[in-house]
């Protein structure tokens, strides 16, 4: 269980086990915003879930992965609704989440593909997001 607290001027603080982290606004369009937004945390969570699952599956299958990097992004129905722009149709909900993973491995491509398939099959967030939004997941082998 996570515990979330917030003071008057401070961002929300998430506490779990002996860790904690700050989460600011639900989202921000300001590149200079100093806190992680809730949206960034959610997208980061699915990206980290996929990367961590890939590492765990590779270890189970004894496939060496030298480097893993991922990008995650989301597409809103209409982000202007968050700003309460009068007359804007739609809603703020996320319609699509995309995660692209770049893997460097000396192993055979087929073995890395099997690791990828296992990681997705065992990912709690992939299963959750798939039932809620369009989910684009891609793995690219890089040298």
N, C-alpha and C. Protein backbone atom coordinates (compact mmCIF):
# COMPACT_ATOMS: atom_id res chain seq x y z
N UNK A 1 0.84 -1.17 0.00
CA UNK A 1 0.00 0.00 0.00
C UNK A 1 0.89 1.24 0.00
N UNK A 2 0.51 2.22 -0.77
CA UNK A 2 1.20 3.50 -0.81
C UNK A 2 0.40 4.50 0.03
N UNK A 3 1.12 5.44 0.62
CA UNK A 3 0.48 6.54 1.35
C UNK A 3 0.89 7.82 0.66
N UNK A 4 -0.09 8.70 0.43
CA UNK A 4 0.18 9.95 -0.26
C UNK A 4 -0.22 11.10 0.67
N UNK A 5 0.70 12.05 0.86
CA UNK A 5 0.44 13.20 1.71
C UNK A 5 0.71 14.47 0.93
N UNK A 6 0.12 15.58 1.39
CA UNK A 6 0.37 16.88 0.76
C UNK A 6 0.12 17.99 1.76
N UNK A 7 1.00 18.97 1.76
CA UNK A 7 0.81 20.17 2.55
C UNK A 7 0.23 21.27 1.68
N UNK A 8 0.12 22.47 2.22
CA UNK A 8 -0.48 23.58 1.46
C UNK A 8 0.29 23.92 0.20
N UNK A 9 1.57 24.22 0.31
CA UNK A 9 2.34 24.68 -0.84
C UNK A 9 3.19 23.58 -1.47
N UNK A 10 3.36 22.49 -0.77
CA UNK A 10 4.26 21.42 -1.24
C UNK A 10 3.54 20.49 -2.21
N UNK A 11 4.31 19.83 -3.07
CA UNK A 11 3.70 18.81 -3.95
C UNK A 11 3.28 17.60 -3.10
N UNK A 12 2.49 16.75 -3.68
CA UNK A 12 2.13 15.50 -3.01
C UNK A 12 3.39 14.68 -2.81
N UNK A 13 3.41 13.90 -1.77
CA UNK A 13 4.56 13.04 -1.49
C UNK A 13 4.03 11.61 -1.37
N UNK A 14 4.61 10.71 -2.13
CA UNK A 14 4.21 9.31 -2.13
C UNK A 14 5.20 8.55 -1.26
N UNK A 15 4.67 7.76 -0.33
CA UNK A 15 5.50 6.97 0.58
C UNK A 15 5.18 5.49 0.38
N UNK A 16 6.22 4.70 0.23
CA UNK A 16 6.05 3.25 0.11
C UNK A 16 7.30 2.59 0.67
N UNK A 17 7.10 1.58 1.50
CA UNK A 17 8.19 0.94 2.23
C UNK A 17 9.05 2.03 2.86
N UNK A 18 10.33 2.09 2.60
CA UNK A 18 11.21 3.11 3.18
C UNK A 18 11.59 4.17 2.14
N UNK A 19 10.82 4.26 1.07
CA UNK A 19 11.09 5.20 -0.02
C UNK A 19 10.00 6.27 -0.05
N UNK A 20 10.32 7.40 -0.66
CA UNK A 20 9.29 8.40 -0.94
C UNK A 20 9.74 9.26 -2.12
N UNK A 21 8.76 9.85 -2.80
CA UNK A 21 9.07 10.75 -3.91
C UNK A 21 7.95 11.77 -4.05
N UNK A 22 8.31 12.93 -4.60
CA UNK A 22 7.36 14.02 -4.77
C UNK A 22 6.67 13.91 -6.13
N UNK A 23 5.40 14.25 -6.15
CA UNK A 23 4.63 14.30 -7.40
C UNK A 23 3.88 15.63 -7.41
N UNK A 24 4.09 16.40 -8.46
CA UNK A 24 3.47 17.72 -8.56
C UNK A 24 2.07 17.65 -9.15
N UNK A 25 1.81 18.54 -10.06
CA UNK A 25 0.49 18.67 -10.69
C UNK A 25 0.14 17.41 -11.48
N UNK A 26 -1.14 17.22 -11.78
CA UNK A 26 -1.53 16.09 -12.63
C UNK A 26 -0.77 16.10 -13.96
N UNK A 27 -0.64 17.28 -14.56
CA UNK A 27 0.19 17.45 -15.74
C UNK A 27 0.57 18.92 -15.86
N UNK A 28 1.58 19.18 -16.66
CA UNK A 28 2.03 20.55 -16.86
C UNK A 28 2.50 20.70 -18.30
N UNK A 29 2.22 21.86 -18.86
CA UNK A 29 2.69 22.17 -20.20
C UNK A 29 3.94 23.03 -20.16
N UNK A 30 4.42 23.32 -18.96
CA UNK A 30 5.58 24.18 -18.74
C UNK A 30 6.85 23.33 -18.69
N UNK A 31 7.75 23.51 -19.65
CA UNK A 31 8.99 22.74 -19.67
C UNK A 31 9.88 23.03 -18.47
N UNK A 32 9.67 24.16 -17.80
CA UNK A 32 10.47 24.54 -16.64
C UNK A 32 9.85 24.08 -15.32
N UNK A 33 8.71 23.39 -15.37
CA UNK A 33 8.05 22.91 -14.16
C UNK A 33 9.03 22.03 -13.39
N UNK A 34 9.15 22.25 -12.10
CA UNK A 34 10.24 21.62 -11.33
C UNK A 34 9.91 20.25 -10.76
N UNK A 35 8.68 19.81 -10.80
CA UNK A 35 8.32 18.52 -10.20
C UNK A 35 7.91 17.52 -11.29
N UNK A 36 8.00 16.26 -10.94
CA UNK A 36 7.41 15.24 -11.80
C UNK A 36 5.91 15.39 -11.73
N UNK A 37 5.24 15.27 -12.87
CA UNK A 37 3.77 15.31 -12.85
C UNK A 37 3.24 13.88 -12.64
N UNK A 38 1.99 13.79 -12.25
CA UNK A 38 1.37 12.48 -12.08
C UNK A 38 1.37 11.71 -13.40
N UNK A 39 1.14 12.41 -14.51
CA UNK A 39 1.18 11.76 -15.82
C UNK A 39 2.56 11.21 -16.13
N UNK A 40 3.61 11.99 -15.85
CA UNK A 40 4.97 11.53 -16.09
C UNK A 40 5.29 10.30 -15.23
N UNK A 41 4.78 10.29 -14.01
CA UNK A 41 4.99 9.12 -13.14
C UNK A 41 4.31 7.89 -13.72
N UNK A 42 3.08 8.06 -14.22
CA UNK A 42 2.36 6.92 -14.81
C UNK A 42 3.06 6.39 -16.05
N UNK A 43 3.49 7.28 -16.93
CA UNK A 43 4.20 6.84 -18.13
C UNK A 43 5.56 6.25 -17.77
N UNK A 44 6.23 6.84 -16.81
CA UNK A 44 7.50 6.29 -16.34
C UNK A 44 7.32 4.92 -15.73
N UNK A 45 6.21 4.73 -15.04
CA UNK A 45 5.95 3.43 -14.41
C UNK A 45 5.79 2.33 -15.44
N UNK A 46 5.04 2.58 -16.51
CA UNK A 46 4.89 1.51 -17.51
C UNK A 46 6.20 1.27 -18.25
N UNK A 47 6.95 2.35 -18.53
CA UNK A 47 8.26 2.16 -19.17
C UNK A 47 9.21 1.37 -18.28
N UNK A 48 9.24 1.71 -17.00
CA UNK A 48 10.11 0.99 -16.06
C UNK A 48 9.65 -0.45 -15.87
N UNK A 49 8.35 -0.68 -15.89
CA UNK A 49 7.81 -2.04 -15.78
C UNK A 49 8.30 -2.89 -16.94
N UNK A 50 8.22 -2.35 -18.15
CA UNK A 50 8.65 -3.10 -19.34
C UNK A 50 10.17 -3.33 -19.30
N UNK A 51 10.94 -2.30 -18.98
CA UNK A 51 12.41 -2.45 -18.93
C UNK A 51 12.81 -3.44 -17.83
N UNK A 52 12.22 -3.29 -16.65
CA UNK A 52 12.54 -4.21 -15.56
C UNK A 52 12.13 -5.64 -15.87
N UNK A 53 10.97 -5.79 -16.52
CA UNK A 53 10.52 -7.12 -16.92
C UNK A 53 11.42 -7.74 -17.96
N UNK A 54 11.93 -6.91 -18.86
CA UNK A 54 12.86 -7.38 -19.88
C UNK A 54 14.14 -7.89 -19.23
N UNK A 55 14.67 -7.13 -18.28
CA UNK A 55 15.88 -7.55 -17.57
C UNK A 55 15.65 -8.86 -16.82
N UNK A 56 14.50 -8.98 -16.15
CA UNK A 56 14.21 -10.20 -15.38
C UNK A 56 14.04 -11.40 -16.30
N UNK A 57 13.34 -11.23 -17.42
CA UNK A 57 13.15 -12.33 -18.36
C UNK A 57 14.48 -12.74 -18.98
N UNK A 58 15.33 -11.78 -19.28
CA UNK A 58 16.65 -12.09 -19.85
C UNK A 58 17.48 -12.90 -18.84
N UNK A 59 17.39 -12.53 -17.59
CA UNK A 59 18.13 -13.27 -16.57
C UNK A 59 17.62 -14.71 -16.45
N UNK A 60 16.29 -14.88 -16.45
CA UNK A 60 15.71 -16.22 -16.37
C UNK A 60 16.12 -17.08 -17.55
N UNK A 61 16.18 -16.47 -18.73
CA UNK A 61 16.49 -17.21 -19.96
C UNK A 61 17.99 -17.22 -20.28
N UNK A 62 18.78 -16.55 -19.45
CA UNK A 62 20.23 -16.46 -19.63
C UNK A 62 20.60 -15.86 -20.99
N UNK A 63 19.91 -14.76 -21.30
CA UNK A 63 20.20 -14.01 -22.51
C UNK A 63 20.86 -12.70 -22.07
N UNK A 64 22.03 -12.42 -22.59
CA UNK A 64 22.76 -11.22 -22.19
C UNK A 64 22.20 -10.00 -22.91
N UNK A 65 21.83 -8.99 -22.13
CA UNK A 65 21.42 -7.71 -22.68
C UNK A 65 22.44 -6.68 -22.20
N UNK A 66 23.12 -6.02 -23.14
CA UNK A 66 24.15 -5.04 -22.76
C UNK A 66 23.53 -3.73 -22.29
N UNK A 67 22.59 -3.21 -23.04
CA UNK A 67 21.97 -1.93 -22.70
C UNK A 67 20.50 -1.97 -23.08
N UNK A 68 19.69 -1.29 -22.27
CA UNK A 68 18.26 -1.13 -22.56
C UNK A 68 17.92 0.33 -22.34
N UNK A 69 17.18 0.90 -23.27
CA UNK A 69 16.66 2.26 -23.12
C UNK A 69 15.24 2.27 -23.65
N UNK A 70 14.39 3.04 -23.01
CA UNK A 70 13.00 3.10 -23.45
C UNK A 70 12.51 4.54 -23.47
N UNK A 71 11.54 4.79 -24.33
CA UNK A 71 10.81 6.05 -24.32
C UNK A 71 9.34 5.71 -24.12
N UNK A 72 8.63 6.59 -23.43
CA UNK A 72 7.19 6.38 -23.22
C UNK A 72 6.49 7.71 -23.47
N UNK A 73 5.34 7.64 -24.11
CA UNK A 73 4.56 8.85 -24.36
C UNK A 73 3.08 8.50 -24.33
N UNK A 74 2.28 9.54 -24.13
CA UNK A 74 0.84 9.35 -24.10
C UNK A 74 0.15 10.37 -24.98
N UNK A 75 -1.01 10.02 -25.50
CA UNK A 75 -1.80 10.93 -26.32
C UNK A 75 -3.15 11.12 -25.64
N UNK A 76 -3.49 12.39 -25.40
CA UNK A 76 -4.77 12.73 -24.78
C UNK A 76 -5.88 12.80 -25.80
N UNK A 77 -7.11 12.66 -25.32
CA UNK A 77 -8.26 12.94 -26.16
C UNK A 77 -8.24 14.41 -26.53
N UNK A 78 -8.15 15.31 -25.53
CA UNK A 78 -8.04 16.75 -25.79
C UNK A 78 -7.39 17.42 -24.58
N UNK A 79 -6.07 17.69 -24.64
CA UNK A 79 -5.38 18.27 -23.49
C UNK A 79 -5.86 19.67 -23.11
N UNK A 80 -6.52 20.37 -24.02
CA UNK A 80 -7.01 21.71 -23.70
C UNK A 80 -8.12 21.68 -22.65
N UNK A 81 -8.77 20.54 -22.48
CA UNK A 81 -9.81 20.45 -21.44
C UNK A 81 -9.21 20.58 -20.05
N UNK A 82 -7.94 20.22 -19.87
CA UNK A 82 -7.28 20.40 -18.57
C UNK A 82 -7.14 21.88 -18.24
N UNK A 83 -6.98 22.70 -19.26
CA UNK A 83 -6.85 24.14 -19.07
C UNK A 83 -8.20 24.82 -18.99
N UNK A 84 -9.28 24.06 -19.06
CA UNK A 84 -10.65 24.56 -18.98
C UNK A 84 -10.94 25.59 -20.08
N UNK A 85 -10.43 25.32 -21.28
CA UNK A 85 -10.70 26.20 -22.41
C UNK A 85 -12.18 26.05 -22.77
N UNK A 86 -12.89 27.17 -22.75
CA UNK A 86 -14.33 27.16 -22.98
C UNK A 86 -14.64 26.65 -24.38
N UNK A 87 -15.59 25.73 -24.45
CA UNK A 87 -16.05 25.21 -25.72
C UNK A 87 -15.23 24.06 -26.28
N UNK A 88 -14.16 23.67 -25.60
CA UNK A 88 -13.36 22.55 -26.10
C UNK A 88 -14.11 21.24 -25.87
N UNK A 89 -14.28 20.44 -26.91
CA UNK A 89 -14.97 19.16 -26.76
C UNK A 89 -14.03 18.09 -26.21
N UNK A 90 -14.60 16.97 -25.85
CA UNK A 90 -13.79 15.83 -25.44
C UNK A 90 -13.47 15.85 -23.97
N UNK A 91 -12.43 15.13 -23.62
CA UNK A 91 -12.04 14.97 -22.22
C UNK A 91 -10.53 14.88 -22.14
N UNK A 92 -10.03 14.85 -20.95
CA UNK A 92 -8.59 14.83 -20.73
C UNK A 92 -8.01 13.41 -20.74
N UNK A 93 -8.83 12.40 -20.82
CA UNK A 93 -8.34 11.03 -20.72
C UNK A 93 -7.27 10.69 -21.74
N UNK A 94 -6.39 9.79 -21.33
CA UNK A 94 -5.34 9.29 -22.22
C UNK A 94 -5.98 8.25 -23.14
N UNK A 95 -5.74 8.40 -24.43
CA UNK A 95 -6.29 7.46 -25.41
C UNK A 95 -5.26 6.45 -25.89
N UNK A 96 -3.99 6.85 -25.90
CA UNK A 96 -2.95 5.98 -26.43
C UNK A 96 -1.69 6.15 -25.61
N UNK A 97 -1.04 5.03 -25.32
CA UNK A 97 0.27 5.02 -24.66
C UNK A 97 1.22 4.26 -25.57
N UNK A 98 2.38 4.85 -25.82
CA UNK A 98 3.40 4.22 -26.65
C UNK A 98 4.68 4.03 -25.85
N UNK A 99 5.22 2.83 -25.91
CA UNK A 99 6.50 2.54 -25.26
C UNK A 99 7.39 1.90 -26.32
N UNK A 100 8.53 2.52 -26.57
CA UNK A 100 9.53 1.98 -27.49
C UNK A 100 10.76 1.61 -26.69
N UNK A 101 11.22 0.40 -26.86
CA UNK A 101 12.37 -0.10 -26.11
C UNK A 101 13.48 -0.43 -27.10
N UNK A 102 14.67 0.05 -26.78
CA UNK A 102 15.85 -0.17 -27.61
C UNK A 102 16.81 -1.05 -26.84
N UNK A 103 17.17 -2.19 -27.43
CA UNK A 103 17.96 -3.20 -26.74
C UNK A 103 19.23 -3.49 -27.53
N UNK A 104 20.34 -3.53 -26.81
CA UNK A 104 21.61 -3.94 -27.39
C UNK A 104 21.96 -5.27 -26.75
N UNK A 105 22.14 -6.30 -27.57
CA UNK A 105 22.43 -7.63 -27.05
C UNK A 105 23.31 -8.39 -28.05
N UNK A 106 24.31 -9.13 -27.52
CA UNK A 106 25.10 -9.98 -28.40
C UNK A 106 24.39 -11.29 -28.72
N UNK A 107 23.26 -11.54 -28.05
CA UNK A 107 22.53 -12.79 -28.23
C UNK A 107 21.79 -12.85 -29.56
N UNK A 108 21.32 -14.04 -29.91
CA UNK A 108 20.56 -14.20 -31.15
C UNK A 108 19.25 -13.40 -31.10
N UNK A 109 18.84 -12.86 -32.23
CA UNK A 109 17.62 -12.06 -32.30
C UNK A 109 16.41 -12.84 -31.80
N UNK A 110 16.35 -14.12 -32.13
CA UNK A 110 15.21 -14.94 -31.72
C UNK A 110 15.14 -15.06 -30.20
N UNK A 111 16.29 -15.16 -29.56
CA UNK A 111 16.32 -15.26 -28.09
C UNK A 111 15.88 -13.95 -27.45
N UNK A 112 16.31 -12.83 -28.02
CA UNK A 112 15.92 -11.52 -27.49
C UNK A 112 14.42 -11.31 -27.70
N UNK A 113 13.90 -11.73 -28.84
CA UNK A 113 12.46 -11.63 -29.12
C UNK A 113 11.66 -12.47 -28.12
N UNK A 114 12.15 -13.65 -27.77
CA UNK A 114 11.47 -14.49 -26.78
C UNK A 114 11.48 -13.83 -25.41
N UNK A 115 12.59 -13.18 -25.07
CA UNK A 115 12.68 -12.43 -23.81
C UNK A 115 11.64 -11.32 -23.80
N UNK A 116 11.53 -10.58 -24.90
CA UNK A 116 10.55 -9.50 -25.04
C UNK A 116 9.12 -10.03 -24.85
N UNK A 117 8.81 -11.12 -25.54
CA UNK A 117 7.47 -11.70 -25.44
C UNK A 117 7.15 -12.12 -24.00
N UNK A 118 8.11 -12.71 -23.33
CA UNK A 118 7.91 -13.12 -21.93
C UNK A 118 7.73 -11.91 -21.03
N UNK A 119 8.53 -10.89 -21.23
CA UNK A 119 8.42 -9.68 -20.41
C UNK A 119 7.03 -9.06 -20.52
N UNK A 120 6.51 -8.98 -21.74
CA UNK A 120 5.17 -8.41 -21.92
C UNK A 120 4.09 -9.29 -21.32
N UNK A 121 4.25 -10.60 -21.47
CA UNK A 121 3.26 -11.54 -20.93
C UNK A 121 3.21 -11.48 -19.41
N UNK A 122 4.31 -11.13 -18.76
CA UNK A 122 4.38 -11.13 -17.30
C UNK A 122 4.25 -9.73 -16.69
N UNK A 123 3.98 -8.72 -17.50
CA UNK A 123 3.94 -7.34 -17.03
C UNK A 123 2.56 -6.97 -16.49
N UNK A 124 2.47 -6.62 -15.20
CA UNK A 124 1.18 -6.21 -14.66
C UNK A 124 0.65 -4.92 -15.29
N UNK A 125 1.54 -3.97 -15.56
CA UNK A 125 1.07 -2.70 -16.12
C UNK A 125 0.70 -2.83 -17.58
N UNK A 126 1.39 -3.66 -18.33
CA UNK A 126 1.00 -3.89 -19.73
C UNK A 126 -0.41 -4.47 -19.76
N UNK A 127 -0.69 -5.44 -18.91
CA UNK A 127 -2.03 -6.04 -18.88
C UNK A 127 -3.08 -5.01 -18.46
N UNK A 128 -2.75 -4.16 -17.51
CA UNK A 128 -3.68 -3.13 -17.04
C UNK A 128 -3.94 -2.08 -18.11
N UNK A 129 -2.87 -1.55 -18.70
CA UNK A 129 -3.02 -0.50 -19.70
C UNK A 129 -3.72 -1.02 -20.96
N UNK A 130 -3.46 -2.27 -21.34
CA UNK A 130 -4.08 -2.82 -22.56
C UNK A 130 -5.60 -2.80 -22.47
N UNK A 131 -6.13 -2.98 -21.27
CA UNK A 131 -7.59 -2.99 -21.15
C UNK A 131 -8.17 -1.59 -21.04
N UNK A 132 -7.31 -0.56 -20.90
CA UNK A 132 -7.80 0.80 -20.70
C UNK A 132 -7.55 1.74 -21.87
N UNK A 133 -6.47 1.55 -22.60
CA UNK A 133 -6.09 2.47 -23.69
C UNK A 133 -5.51 1.67 -24.84
N UNK A 134 -5.36 2.34 -25.99
CA UNK A 134 -4.59 1.73 -27.08
C UNK A 134 -3.14 1.73 -26.64
N UNK A 135 -2.50 0.60 -26.69
CA UNK A 135 -1.13 0.46 -26.19
C UNK A 135 -0.22 -0.01 -27.32
N UNK A 136 0.73 0.85 -27.67
CA UNK A 136 1.72 0.52 -28.70
C UNK A 136 3.03 0.17 -28.02
N UNK A 137 3.46 -1.04 -28.20
CA UNK A 137 4.72 -1.51 -27.61
C UNK A 137 5.64 -1.98 -28.73
N UNK A 138 6.86 -1.47 -28.72
CA UNK A 138 7.81 -1.84 -29.77
C UNK A 138 9.16 -2.07 -29.16
N UNK A 139 9.87 -3.09 -29.66
CA UNK A 139 11.23 -3.38 -29.24
C UNK A 139 12.09 -3.38 -30.48
N UNK A 140 13.19 -2.64 -30.40
CA UNK A 140 14.12 -2.56 -31.53
C UNK A 140 15.49 -2.98 -31.05
N UNK A 141 16.11 -3.88 -31.81
CA UNK A 141 17.48 -4.28 -31.51
C UNK A 141 18.41 -3.26 -32.15
N UNK A 142 19.37 -2.79 -31.36
CA UNK A 142 20.33 -1.81 -31.86
C UNK A 142 21.73 -2.38 -31.68
N UNK A 143 22.66 -1.89 -32.46
CA UNK A 143 24.05 -2.36 -32.34
C UNK A 143 24.95 -1.26 -31.86
